[in-house]
Amino acid sequence: MRRKINDLDGWKKIFQHVLDLGFESVRIPVRARFEFNLQNGTLTADSLSYQLLYNRQVLEKRYPQLKAEDLDRQLQKTVKRKVYMYLKDCGYIDRDQLPENLE
Protein backbone atom coordinates (compact mmCIF):
# COMPACT_ATOMS: atom_id res chain seq x y z
CA MET A 1 0.00 0.00 0.00
CA ARG A 2 1.42 3.39 -1.03
CA ARG A 3 0.97 5.85 1.86
CA LYS A 4 0.05 9.42 1.01
CA ILE A 5 -2.05 12.12 2.64
CA ASN A 6 -4.02 12.28 -0.60
CA ASP A 7 -3.41 11.30 -4.19
CA LEU A 8 -2.19 14.77 -5.22
CA ASP A 9 0.24 15.86 -2.54
CA GLY A 10 1.97 12.99 -0.72
CA TRP A 11 3.25 13.44 2.83
CA LYS A 12 4.68 16.88 3.55
CA LYS A 13 6.84 17.94 6.45
CA ILE A 14 9.14 20.86 7.21
CA PHE A 15 12.59 19.99 8.55
CA GLN A 16 15.37 22.30 9.72
CA HIS A 17 18.94 21.97 8.50
CA VAL A 18 21.62 23.86 10.42
CA LEU A 19 24.41 25.01 8.14
CA ASP A 20 27.60 25.83 10.05
CA LEU A 21 29.63 28.41 8.17
CA GLY A 22 32.23 28.80 10.90
CA PHE A 23 31.43 32.46 11.53
CA GLU A 24 27.67 31.89 11.54
CA SER A 25 25.12 29.09 11.85
CA VAL A 26 22.17 29.32 9.49
CA ARG A 27 18.89 27.47 9.98
CA ILE A 28 17.46 26.44 6.63
CA PRO A 29 13.83 25.32 6.52
CA VAL A 30 13.45 22.48 4.03
CA ARG A 31 10.06 21.25 2.88
CA ALA A 32 10.09 17.54 2.12
CA ARG A 33 7.39 15.73 0.21
CA PHE A 34 7.66 11.97 0.51
CA GLU A 35 5.90 8.71 -0.27
CA PHE A 36 6.50 5.16 0.83
CA ASN A 37 5.03 1.66 0.70
CA LEU A 38 3.81 -0.28 3.71
CA GLN A 39 3.44 -4.01 3.98
CA ASN A 40 1.87 -5.39 7.15
CA GLY A 41 2.20 -1.97 8.76
CA THR A 42 5.95 -1.55 8.19
CA LEU A 43 8.03 0.26 5.61
CA THR A 44 8.90 -1.78 2.52
CA ALA A 45 12.63 -1.78 1.77
CA ASP A 46 13.70 0.81 -0.83
CA SER A 47 10.18 2.22 -1.23
CA LEU A 48 10.87 5.68 0.22
CA SER A 49 11.02 8.54 -2.26
CA TYR A 50 11.19 12.23 -1.45
CA GLN A 51 11.62 15.67 -2.96
CA LEU A 52 13.10 18.76 -1.31
CA LEU A 53 12.14 22.39 -1.62
CA TYR A 54 14.11 25.27 -0.12
CA ASN A 55 14.94 28.85 -1.06
CA ARG A 56 18.28 28.32 -2.79
CA GLN A 57 18.28 31.78 -4.44
CA VAL A 58 18.25 33.60 -1.10
CA LEU A 59 21.08 31.44 0.24
CA GLU A 60 23.19 31.91 -2.89
CA LYS A 61 22.65 35.67 -2.78
CA ARG A 62 23.50 36.03 0.90
CA TYR A 63 26.34 33.46 0.93
CA PRO A 64 27.95 33.53 -2.53
CA GLN A 65 30.79 31.26 -1.36
CA LEU A 66 28.36 28.33 -0.91
CA LYS A 67 28.66 25.51 -3.42
CA ALA A 68 25.17 24.48 -4.50
CA GLU A 69 26.12 20.82 -5.00
CA ASP A 70 27.60 20.55 -1.49
CA LEU A 71 24.57 22.24 0.04
CA ASP A 72 22.18 19.94 -1.85
CA ARG A 73 24.13 16.90 -0.67
CA GLN A 74 24.02 18.10 2.96
CA LEU A 75 20.30 18.83 2.75
CA GLN A 76 19.58 15.42 1.17
CA LYS A 77 21.48 13.72 3.99
CA THR A 78 19.68 15.71 6.71
CA VAL A 79 16.24 15.16 5.23
CA LYS A 80 16.84 11.45 4.66
CA ARG A 81 17.87 11.05 8.32
CA LYS A 82 14.94 13.09 9.61
CA VAL A 83 12.37 11.32 7.39
CA TYR A 84 13.56 7.93 8.61
CA MET A 85 13.45 9.11 12.23
CA TYR A 86 9.95 10.52 11.66
CA LEU A 87 8.80 7.18 10.21
CA LYS A 88 10.37 5.40 13.18
CA ASP A 89 8.50 7.70 15.58
CA CYS A 90 5.26 6.95 13.70
CA GLY A 91 5.86 3.22 14.16
CA TYR A 92 6.37 2.39 10.48
CA ILE A 93 9.94 1.13 11.01
CA ASP A 94 11.92 -0.39 13.87
CA ARG A 95 15.29 0.86 15.01
CA ASP A 96 16.99 -2.17 13.45
CA GLN A 97 15.47 -1.26 10.06
CA LEU A 98 17.20 2.15 9.92
CA PRO A 99 19.89 2.41 7.23
CA GLU A 100 23.40 2.27 8.65
CA ASN A 101 24.56 5.46 6.94
CA LEU A 102 22.20 7.72 8.92
CA GLU A 103 24.50 9.88 11.05
C-alpha atoms as a PDB file:
ATOM      1  CA  MET A   1       0.000   0.000   0.000  1.00  0.00           C
ATOM      2  CA  ARG A   2       1.422   3.392  -1.028  1.00  0.00           C
ATOM      3  CA  ARG A   3       0.969   5.846   1.857  1.00  0.00           C
ATOM      4  CA  LYS A   4       0.053   9.424   1.014  1.00  0.00           C
ATOM      5  CA  ILE A   5      -2.050  12.117   2.637  1.00  0.00           C
ATOM      6  CA  ASN A   6      -4.015  12.280  -0.596  1.00  0.00           C
ATOM      7  CA  ASP A   7      -3.407  11.304  -4.194  1.00  0.00           C
ATOM      8  CA  LEU A   8      -2.195  14.769  -5.215  1.00  0.00           C
ATOM      9  CA  ASP A   9       0.242  15.857  -2.536  1.00  0.00           C
ATOM     10  CA  GLY A  10       1.968  12.988  -0.723  1.00  0.00           C
ATOM     11  CA  TRP A  11       3.247  13.436   2.825  1.00  0.00           C
ATOM     12  CA  LYS A  12       4.682  16.875   3.550  1.00  0.00           C
ATOM     13  CA  LYS A  13       6.837  17.935   6.452  1.00  0.00           C
ATOM     14  CA  ILE A  14       9.143  20.860   7.206  1.00  0.00           C
ATOM     15  CA  PHE A  15      12.593  19.990   8.551  1.00  0.00           C
ATOM     16  CA  GLN A  16      15.369  22.299   9.724  1.00  0.00           C
ATOM     17  CA  HIS A  17      18.937  21.973   8.501  1.00  0.00           C
ATOM     18  CA  VAL A  18      21.624  23.859  10.419  1.00  0.00           C
ATOM     19  CA  LEU A  19      24.415  25.013   8.141  1.00  0.00           C
ATOM     20  CA  ASP A  20      27.601  25.827  10.051  1.00  0.00           C
ATOM     21  CA  LEU A  21      29.632  28.412   8.168  1.00  0.00           C
ATOM     22  CA  GLY A  22      32.233  28.802  10.901  1.00  0.00           C
ATOM     23  CA  PHE A  23      31.434  32.459  11.529  1.00  0.00           C
ATOM     24  CA  GLU A  24      27.667  31.893  11.541  1.00  0.00           C
ATOM     25  CA  SER A  25      25.120  29.087  11.854  1.00  0.00           C
ATOM     26  CA  VAL A  26      22.174  29.317   9.489  1.00  0.00           C
ATOM     27  CA  ARG A  27      18.888  27.471   9.982  1.00  0.00           C
ATOM     28  CA  ILE A  28      17.461  26.440   6.632  1.00  0.00           C
ATOM     29  CA  PRO A  29      13.829  25.323   6.524  1.00  0.00           C
ATOM     30  CA  VAL A  30      13.448  22.482   4.029  1.00  0.00           C
ATOM     31  CA  ARG A  31      10.063  21.248   2.877  1.00  0.00           C
ATOM     32  CA  ALA A  32      10.094  17.539   2.123  1.00  0.00           C
ATOM     33  CA  ARG A  33       7.391  15.727   0.213  1.00  0.00           C
ATOM     34  CA  PHE A  34       7.664  11.966   0.512  1.00  0.00           C
ATOM     35  CA  GLU A  35       5.900   8.712  -0.269  1.00  0.00           C
ATOM     36  CA  PHE A  36       6.502   5.156   0.834  1.00  0.00           C
ATOM     37  CA  ASN A  37       5.030   1.662   0.699  1.00  0.00           C
ATOM     38  CA  LEU A  38       3.808  -0.277   3.710  1.00  0.00           C
ATOM     39  CA  GLN A  39       3.441  -4.012   3.981  1.00  0.00           C
ATOM     40  CA  ASN A  40       1.866  -5.391   7.147  1.00  0.00           C
ATOM     41  CA  GLY A  41       2.202  -1.973   8.765  1.00  0.00           C
ATOM     42  CA  THR A  42       5.946  -1.552   8.194  1.00  0.00           C
ATOM     43  CA  LEU A  43       8.027   0.260   5.607  1.00  0.00           C
ATOM     44  CA  THR A  44       8.897  -1.780   2.523  1.00  0.00           C
ATOM     45  CA  ALA A  45      12.630  -1.775   1.775  1.00  0.00           C
ATOM     46  CA  ASP A  46      13.703   0.811  -0.833  1.00  0.00           C
ATOM     47  CA  SER A  47      10.181   2.222  -1.226  1.00  0.00           C
ATOM     48  CA  LEU A  48      10.870   5.680   0.218  1.00  0.00           C
ATOM     49  CA  SER A  49      11.025   8.544  -2.265  1.00  0.00           C
ATOM     50  CA  TYR A  50      11.188  12.229  -1.450  1.00  0.00           C
ATOM     51  CA  GLN A  51      11.616  15.674  -2.957  1.00  0.00           C
ATOM     52  CA  LEU A  52      13.099  18.764  -1.313  1.00  0.00           C
ATOM     53  CA  LEU A  53      12.138  22.391  -1.617  1.00  0.00           C
ATOM     54  CA  TYR A  54      14.112  25.271  -0.117  1.00  0.00           C
ATOM     55  CA  ASN A  55      14.939  28.846  -1.058  1.00  0.00           C
ATOM     56  CA  ARG A  56      18.276  28.321  -2.794  1.00  0.00           C
ATOM     57  CA  GLN A  57      18.276  31.775  -4.439  1.00  0.00           C
ATOM     58  CA  VAL A  58      18.246  33.597  -1.099  1.00  0.00           C
ATOM     59  CA  LEU A  59      21.084  31.439   0.244  1.00  0.00           C
ATOM     60  CA  GLU A  60      23.194  31.914  -2.890  1.00  0.00           C
ATOM     61  CA  LYS A  61      22.655  35.666  -2.784  1.00  0.00           C
ATOM     62  CA  ARG A  62      23.501  36.028   0.905  1.00  0.00           C
ATOM     63  CA  TYR A  63      26.338  33.464   0.928  1.00  0.00           C
ATOM     64  CA  PRO A  64      27.950  33.529  -2.530  1.00  0.00           C
ATOM     65  CA  GLN A  65      30.793  31.259  -1.361  1.00  0.00           C
ATOM     66  CA  LEU A  66      28.358  28.329  -0.909  1.00  0.00           C
ATOM     67  CA  LYS A  67      28.661  25.511  -3.417  1.00  0.00           C
ATOM     68  CA  ALA A  68      25.175  24.482  -4.501  1.00  0.00           C
ATOM     69  CA  GLU A  69      26.123  20.819  -4.998  1.00  0.00           C
ATOM     70  CA  ASP A  70      27.598  20.551  -1.492  1.00  0.00           C
ATOM     71  CA  LEU A  71      24.570  22.243   0.037  1.00  0.00           C
ATOM     72  CA  ASP A  72      22.185  19.939  -1.855  1.00  0.00           C
ATOM     73  CA  ARG A  73      24.127  16.898  -0.668  1.00  0.00           C
ATOM     74  CA  GLN A  74      24.021  18.099   2.958  1.00  0.00           C
ATOM     75  CA  LEU A  75      20.302  18.827   2.749  1.00  0.00           C
ATOM     76  CA  GLN A  76      19.579  15.417   1.172  1.00  0.00           C
ATOM     77  CA  LYS A  77      21.478  13.721   3.989  1.00  0.00           C
ATOM     78  CA  THR A  78      19.683  15.707   6.708  1.00  0.00           C
ATOM     79  CA  VAL A  79      16.242  15.163   5.231  1.00  0.00           C
ATOM     80  CA  LYS A  80      16.844  11.447   4.665  1.00  0.00           C
ATOM     81  CA  ARG A  81      17.866  11.051   8.317  1.00  0.00           C
ATOM     82  CA  LYS A  82      14.937  13.086   9.606  1.00  0.00           C
ATOM     83  CA  VAL A  83      12.368  11.322   7.391  1.00  0.00           C
ATOM     84  CA  TYR A  84      13.561   7.929   8.611  1.00  0.00           C
ATOM     85  CA  MET A  85      13.449   9.112  12.229  1.00  0.00           C
ATOM     86  CA  TYR A  86       9.951  10.515  11.664  1.00  0.00           C
ATOM     87  CA  LEU A  87       8.800   7.180  10.207  1.00  0.00           C
ATOM     88  CA  LYS A  88      10.370   5.397  13.184  1.00  0.00           C
ATOM     89  CA  ASP A  89       8.501   7.698  15.583  1.00  0.00           C
ATOM     90  CA  CYS A  90       5.259   6.952  13.699  1.00  0.00           C
ATOM     91  CA  GLY A  91       5.860   3.225  14.162  1.00  0.00           C
ATOM     92  CA  TYR A  92       6.373   2.390  10.484  1.00  0.00           C
ATOM     93  CA  ILE A  93       9.935   1.130  11.013  1.00  0.00           C
ATOM     94  CA  ASP A  94      11.920  -0.386  13.868  1.00  0.00           C
ATOM     95  CA  ARG A  95      15.290   0.862  15.014  1.00  0.00           C
ATOM     96  CA  ASP A  96      16.993  -2.172  13.448  1.00  0.00           C
ATOM     97  CA  GLN A  97      15.475  -1.257  10.062  1.00  0.00           C
ATOM     98  CA  LEU A  98      17.202   2.148   9.925  1.00  0.00           C
ATOM     99  CA  PRO A  99      19.892   2.414   7.229  1.00  0.00           C
ATOM    100  CA  GLU A 100      23.404   2.266   8.655  1.00  0.00           C
ATOM    101  CA  ASN A 101      24.558   5.457   6.941  1.00  0.00           C
ATOM    102  CA  LEU A 102      22.202   7.720   8.922  1.00  0.00           C
ATOM    103  CA  GLU A 103      24.504   9.882  11.051  1.00  0.00           C
END
